[in-house]
C-alpha atoms as a PDB file:
ATOM      1  CA  UNK A   1      68.626  -6.753 -43.393  1.00  0.00           C
ATOM      2  CA  UNK A   2      72.361  -6.792 -44.005  1.00  0.00           C
ATOM      3  CA  UNK A   3      74.368  -3.656 -44.795  1.00  0.00           C
ATOM      4  CA  UNK A   4      77.965  -2.784 -45.592  1.00  0.00           C
ATOM      5  CA  UNK A   5      79.926   0.436 -45.312  1.00  0.00           C
ATOM      6  CA  UNK A   6      83.497   1.644 -44.995  1.00  0.00           C
ATOM      7  CA  UNK A   7      85.771   4.645 -44.556  1.00  0.00           C
ATOM      8  CA  UNK A   8      83.457   6.782 -42.470  1.00  0.00           C
ATOM      9  CA  UNK A   9      86.453   8.522 -40.848  1.00  0.00           C
ATOM     10  CA  UNK A  10      84.421  10.061 -38.041  1.00  0.00           C
ATOM     11  CA  UNK A  11      86.002  13.253 -36.583  1.00  0.00           C
ATOM     12  CA  UNK A  12      88.597  13.385 -39.392  1.00  0.00           C
ATOM     13  CA  UNK A  13      88.783  16.973 -40.696  1.00  0.00           C
ATOM     14  CA  UNK A  14      91.379  16.239 -43.396  1.00  0.00           C
ATOM     15  CA  UNK A  15      89.281  13.532 -45.048  1.00  0.00           C
ATOM     16  CA  UNK A  16      86.809  16.227 -46.081  1.00  0.00           C
ATOM     17  CA  UNK A  17      89.417  17.895 -48.310  1.00  0.00           C
ATOM     18  CA  UNK A  18      91.120  14.646 -49.303  1.00  0.00           C
ATOM     19  CA  UNK A  19      87.915  13.131 -50.715  1.00  0.00           C
ATOM     20  CA  UNK A  20      85.994  16.304 -51.637  1.00  0.00           C
ATOM     21  CA  UNK A  21      83.235  15.582 -49.140  1.00  0.00           C
ATOM     22  CA  UNK A  22      80.779  18.463 -49.146  1.00  0.00           C
ATOM     23  CA  UNK A  23      80.893  19.363 -45.455  1.00  0.00           C
ATOM     24  CA  UNK A  24      82.042  22.547 -43.742  1.00  0.00           C
ATOM     25  CA  UNK A  25      83.669  20.595 -40.887  1.00  0.00           C
ATOM     26  CA  UNK A  26      83.915  17.196 -39.201  1.00  0.00           C
ATOM     27  CA  UNK A  27      80.997  17.886 -36.875  1.00  0.00           C
ATOM     28  CA  UNK A  28      78.633  18.427 -39.816  1.00  0.00           C
ATOM     29  CA  UNK A  29      80.059  15.319 -41.528  1.00  0.00           C
ATOM     30  CA  UNK A  30      79.622  13.215 -38.365  1.00  0.00           C
ATOM     31  CA  UNK A  31      76.021  14.372 -37.916  1.00  0.00           C
ATOM     32  CA  UNK A  32      75.138  13.642 -41.558  1.00  0.00           C
ATOM     33  CA  UNK A  33      76.768  10.197 -41.513  1.00  0.00           C
ATOM     34  CA  UNK A  34      74.883   9.288 -38.310  1.00  0.00           C
ATOM     35  CA  UNK A  35      71.588  10.616 -39.711  1.00  0.00           C
ATOM     36  CA  UNK A  36      71.910   8.728 -43.005  1.00  0.00           C
ATOM     37  CA  UNK A  37      72.957   5.514 -41.221  1.00  0.00           C
ATOM     38  CA  UNK A  38      70.027   5.633 -38.797  1.00  0.00           C
ATOM     39  CA  UNK A  39      67.510   6.476 -41.547  1.00  0.00           C
ATOM     40  CA  UNK A  40      68.462   3.252 -43.328  1.00  0.00           C
ATOM     41  CA  UNK A  41      69.506   0.801 -40.596  1.00  0.00           C
ATOM     42  CA  UNK A  42      67.115  -0.639 -37.992  1.00  0.00           C
ATOM     43  CA  UNK A  43      68.055  -1.954 -34.542  1.00  0.00           C
ATOM     44  CA  UNK A  44      67.891  -5.605 -35.658  1.00  0.00           C
ATOM     45  CA  UNK A  45      69.890  -5.092 -38.894  1.00  0.00           C
ATOM     46  CA  UNK A  46      73.529  -6.140 -39.185  1.00  0.00           C
ATOM     47  CA  UNK A  47      76.168  -3.773 -40.547  1.00  0.00           C
ATOM     48  CA  UNK A  48      79.677  -4.759 -41.567  1.00  0.00           C
ATOM     49  CA  UNK A  49      82.048  -1.797 -41.366  1.00  0.00           C
ATOM     50  CA  UNK A  50      84.964  -2.595 -43.675  1.00  0.00           C
ATOM     51  CA  UNK A  51      87.482  -0.430 -41.898  1.00  0.00           C
ATOM     52  CA  UNK A  52      88.458   3.119 -41.114  1.00  0.00           C
ATOM     53  CA  UNK A  53      85.658   3.927 -38.705  1.00  0.00           C
ATOM     54  CA  UNK A  54      87.719   6.584 -36.916  1.00  0.00           C
ATOM     55  CA  UNK A  55      91.326   7.280 -36.102  1.00  0.00           C
ATOM     56  CA  UNK A  56      90.485   9.572 -33.172  1.00  0.00           C
ATOM     57  CA  UNK A  57      90.587   7.108 -30.277  1.00  0.00           C
ATOM     58  CA  UNK A  58      88.458   4.845 -28.111  1.00  0.00           C
ATOM     59  CA  UNK A  59      86.379   7.529 -26.402  1.00  0.00           C
ATOM     60  CA  UNK A  60      85.190   9.158 -29.635  1.00  0.00           C
ATOM     61  CA  UNK A  61      84.682   5.784 -31.334  1.00  0.00           C
ATOM     62  CA  UNK A  62      82.452   4.740 -28.440  1.00  0.00           C
ATOM     63  CA  UNK A  63      80.522   7.994 -28.597  1.00  0.00           C
ATOM     64  CA  UNK A  64      79.650   7.441 -32.252  1.00  0.00           C
ATOM     65  CA  UNK A  65      79.051   3.684 -32.056  1.00  0.00           C
ATOM     66  CA  UNK A  66      76.474   4.223 -29.315  1.00  0.00           C
ATOM     67  CA  UNK A  67      74.505   6.511 -31.652  1.00  0.00           C
ATOM     68  CA  UNK A  68      74.350   4.078 -34.580  1.00  0.00           C
ATOM     69  CA  UNK A  69      71.550   1.536 -34.973  1.00  0.00           C
ATOM     70  CA  UNK A  70      72.117  -2.120 -35.725  1.00  0.00           C
ATOM     71  CA  UNK A  71      74.475  -4.916 -34.783  1.00  0.00           C
ATOM     72  CA  UNK A  72      77.894  -3.774 -35.906  1.00  0.00           C
ATOM     73  CA  UNK A  73      80.787  -5.917 -37.158  1.00  0.00           C
ATOM     74  CA  UNK A  74      84.237  -4.462 -37.826  1.00  0.00           C
ATOM     75  CA  UNK A  75      86.551  -5.632 -40.564  1.00  0.00           C
ATOM     76  CA  UNK A  76      89.640  -3.748 -39.465  1.00  0.00           C
ATOM     77  CA  UNK A  77      91.220  -1.189 -41.740  1.00  0.00           C
ATOM     78  CA  UNK A  78      94.412   0.816 -41.466  1.00  0.00           C
ATOM     79  CA  UNK A  79      92.812   3.456 -39.186  1.00  0.00           C
ATOM     80  CA  UNK A  80      91.084   1.304 -36.565  1.00  0.00           C
ATOM     81  CA  UNK A  81      93.711   1.214 -33.828  1.00  0.00           C
ATOM     82  CA  UNK A  82      91.126   2.350 -31.268  1.00  0.00           C
ATOM     83  CA  UNK A  83      89.985  -1.284 -30.864  1.00  0.00           C
ATOM     84  CA  UNK A  84      93.354  -2.147 -29.287  1.00  0.00           C
ATOM     85  CA  UNK A  85      92.920   0.421 -26.527  1.00  0.00           C
ATOM     86  CA  UNK A  86      92.178  -0.917 -23.048  1.00  0.00           C
ATOM     87  CA  UNK A  87      89.636   1.936 -22.834  1.00  0.00           C
ATOM     88  CA  UNK A  88      87.562   0.537 -25.710  1.00  0.00           C
ATOM     89  CA  UNK A  89      84.649  -1.812 -24.991  1.00  0.00           C
ATOM     90  CA  UNK A  90      84.972  -4.415 -27.738  1.00  0.00           C
ATOM     91  CA  UNK A  91      81.437  -5.637 -27.018  1.00  0.00           C
ATOM     92  CA  UNK A  92      80.182  -2.623 -29.001  1.00  0.00           C
ATOM     93  CA  UNK A  93      80.989  -4.790 -32.034  1.00  0.00           C
ATOM     94  CA  UNK A  94      79.406  -8.188 -32.603  1.00  0.00           C
ATOM     95  CA  UNK A  95      82.701  -9.243 -34.204  1.00  0.00           C
ATOM     96  CA  UNK A  96      86.112  -7.756 -34.962  1.00  0.00           C
ATOM     97  CA  UNK A  97      88.162  -9.348 -37.756  1.00  0.00           C
ATOM     98  CA  UNK A  98      90.635  -8.505 -40.484  1.00  0.00           C
ATOM     99  CA  UNK A  99      88.863 -10.580 -43.141  1.00  0.00           C
ATOM    100  CA  UNK A 100      85.584 -12.461 -43.421  1.00  0.00           C
ATOM    101  CA  UNK A 101      83.585 -14.614 -45.794  1.00  0.00           C
ATOM    102  CA  UNK A 102      79.822 -14.632 -45.352  1.00  0.00           C
ATOM    103  CA  UNK A 103      76.884 -16.029 -47.311  1.00  0.00           C
ATOM    104  CA  UNK A 104      73.684 -14.055 -47.766  1.00  0.00           C
ATOM    105  CA  UNK A 105      70.820 -15.124 -50.067  1.00  0.00           C
ATOM    106  CA  UNK A 106      73.045 -17.888 -51.465  1.00  0.00           C
ATOM    107  CA  UNK A 107      75.693 -15.345 -52.508  1.00  0.00           C
ATOM    108  CA  UNK A 108      79.147 -15.476 -50.981  1.00  0.00           C
ATOM    109  CA  UNK A 109      80.683 -12.162 -49.991  1.00  0.00           C
ATOM    110  CA  UNK A 110      84.410 -11.784 -49.327  1.00  0.00           C
ATOM    111  CA  UNK A 111      85.016  -8.857 -46.961  1.00  0.00           C
ATOM    112  CA  UNK A 112      88.352  -7.062 -46.653  1.00  0.00           C
ATOM    113  CA  UNK A 113      89.263  -3.424 -46.123  1.00  0.00           C
ATOM    114  CA  UNK A 114      91.558  -3.386 -49.150  1.00  0.00           C
ATOM    115  CA  UNK A 115      90.556  -4.213 -52.734  1.00  0.00           C
ATOM    116  CA  UNK A 116      91.944  -7.557 -53.867  1.00  0.00           C
ATOM    117  CA  UNK A 117      92.523  -8.768 -57.413  1.00  0.00           C
ATOM    118  CA  UNK A 118      91.435 -12.376 -56.804  1.00  0.00           C
ATOM    119  CA  UNK A 119      89.261 -13.843 -54.055  1.00  0.00           C
ATOM    120  CA  UNK A 120      87.649 -17.104 -53.024  1.00  0.00           C
ATOM    121  CA  UNK A 121      84.841 -18.024 -55.411  1.00  0.00           C
ATOM    122  CA  UNK A 122      85.727 -15.252 -57.849  1.00  0.00           C
ATOM    123  CA  UNK A 123      84.754 -17.360 -60.850  1.00  0.00           C
ATOM    124  CA  UNK A 124      81.807 -18.975 -59.059  1.00  0.00           C
ATOM    125  CA  UNK A 125      79.666 -15.909 -58.368  1.00  0.00           C
ATOM    126  CA  UNK A 126      81.139 -14.538 -55.142  1.00  0.00           C
ATOM    127  CA  UNK A 127      81.434 -10.789 -54.660  1.00  0.00           C
ATOM    128  CA  UNK A 128      84.440  -9.035 -53.137  1.00  0.00           C
ATOM    129  CA  UNK A 129      83.571  -6.052 -50.951  1.00  0.00           C
ATOM    130  CA  UNK A 130      86.125  -3.464 -49.870  1.00  0.00           C
ATOM    131  CA  UNK A 131      86.763   0.133 -48.975  1.00  0.00           C
ATOM    132  CA  UNK A 132      90.052   2.008 -48.498  1.00  0.00           C
ATOM    133  CA  UNK A 133      90.287   3.797 -51.847  1.00  0.00           C
ATOM    134  CA  UNK A 134      87.633   6.503 -51.385  1.00  0.00           C
ATOM    135  CA  UNK A 135      86.324   5.955 -54.901  1.00  0.00           C
ATOM    136  CA  UNK A 136      83.218   7.619 -56.276  1.00  0.00           C
ATOM    137  CA  UNK A 137      80.216   5.650 -57.563  1.00  0.00           C
ATOM    138  CA  UNK A 138      81.728   5.377 -61.057  1.00  0.00           C
ATOM    139  CA  UNK A 139      84.283   2.878 -59.769  1.00  0.00           C
ATOM    140  CA  UNK A 140      81.530   0.334 -59.070  1.00  0.00           C
ATOM    141  CA  UNK A 141      79.895   0.938 -62.452  1.00  0.00           C
ATOM    142  CA  UNK A 142      83.268   0.491 -64.141  1.00  0.00           C
ATOM    143  CA  UNK A 143      83.691  -2.870 -62.374  1.00  0.00           C
ATOM    144  CA  UNK A 144      80.202  -3.886 -63.520  1.00  0.00           C
ATOM    145  CA  UNK A 145      80.980  -2.884 -67.113  1.00  0.00           C
ATOM    146  CA  UNK A 146      84.205  -4.936 -66.968  1.00  0.00           C
ATOM    147  CA  UNK A 147      82.377  -7.912 -65.391  1.00  0.00           C
ATOM    148  CA  UNK A 148      84.386  -7.671 -62.164  1.00  0.00           C
ATOM    149  CA  UNK A 149      82.287  -8.633 -59.134  1.00  0.00           C
ATOM    150  CA  UNK A 150      84.151  -6.267 -56.785  1.00  0.00           C
ATOM    151  CA  UNK A 151      82.273  -3.470 -55.024  1.00  0.00           C
ATOM    152  CA  UNK A 152      83.543  -0.505 -53.009  1.00  0.00           C
ATOM    153  CA  UNK A 153      81.185  -0.168 -50.022  1.00  0.00           C
ATOM    154  CA  UNK A 154      82.870   3.025 -48.816  1.00  0.00           C
ATOM    155  CA  UNK A 155      80.647   5.992 -48.078  1.00  0.00           C
ATOM    156  CA  UNK A 156      82.334   8.063 -50.799  1.00  0.00           C
ATOM    157  CA  UNK A 157      81.116   5.590 -53.451  1.00  0.00           C
ATOM    158  CA  UNK A 158      77.631   5.214 -51.924  1.00  0.00           C
ATOM    159  CA  UNK A 159      76.274   8.704 -51.261  1.00  0.00           C
ATOM    160  CA  UNK A 160      77.569   8.694 -47.658  1.00  0.00           C
ATOM    161  CA  UNK A 161      75.316   5.834 -46.565  1.00  0.00           C
ATOM    162  CA  UNK A 162      75.509   2.077 -45.923  1.00  0.00           C
ATOM    163  CA  UNK A 163      74.605  -0.147 -48.868  1.00  0.00           C
ATOM    164  CA  UNK A 164      72.439  -3.256 -48.549  1.00  0.00           C
ATOM    165  CA  UNK A 165      73.419  -6.771 -49.553  1.00  0.00           C
ATOM    166  CA  UNK A 166      70.243  -6.900 -51.664  1.00  0.00           C
ATOM    167  CA  UNK A 167      71.295  -3.820 -53.601  1.00  0.00           C
ATOM    168  CA  UNK A 168      74.773  -5.227 -54.272  1.00  0.00           C
ATOM    169  CA  UNK A 169      73.345  -8.559 -55.425  1.00  0.00           C
ATOM    170  CA  UNK A 170      70.914  -6.795 -57.778  1.00  0.00           C
ATOM    171  CA  UNK A 171      73.707  -4.503 -58.993  1.00  0.00           C
ATOM    172  CA  UNK A 172      75.605  -7.531 -60.304  1.00  0.00           C
ATOM    173  CA  UNK A 173      72.551  -9.505 -61.479  1.00  0.00           C
ATOM    174  CA  UNK A 174      73.585  -9.329 -65.153  1.00  0.00           C
ATOM    175  CA  UNK A 175      77.017 -10.916 -64.670  1.00  0.00           C
END
């Protein structure tokens, strides 16, 4: 199975207020994000994290990554500087990139941390996935209504959990 997520912001107290996440503190948020991830993702699944995993450094990033199931890929966002640290073991990620294009079930996905207005294959059925904006779920429904095949995979738009490629494909099945 293939999953996508973004903007987890592990250990980030201020993100709770900034995005109206319903947690008392970062520890409770971290525990819930880990629990929801591991309830959905299996060890053999692949997960693309479209940026902003944590801004709290290599040691804490490692601590969390080691608790999460699946083969993890990172599409770097604006808060992923921990990967540049000599203290970070890059092998915790299967890949680290700024941008990617992948095909799953004959559907092309364009992966970038930031939302883009036009992308490769836009008028040929491809789907642009992004994070960064901390939208709620209505953003994705608005894109669907406007026939825009762009989907925010961030946890704030997806009930704090990774979203599957199958779900995203079915979400856009009418356009």
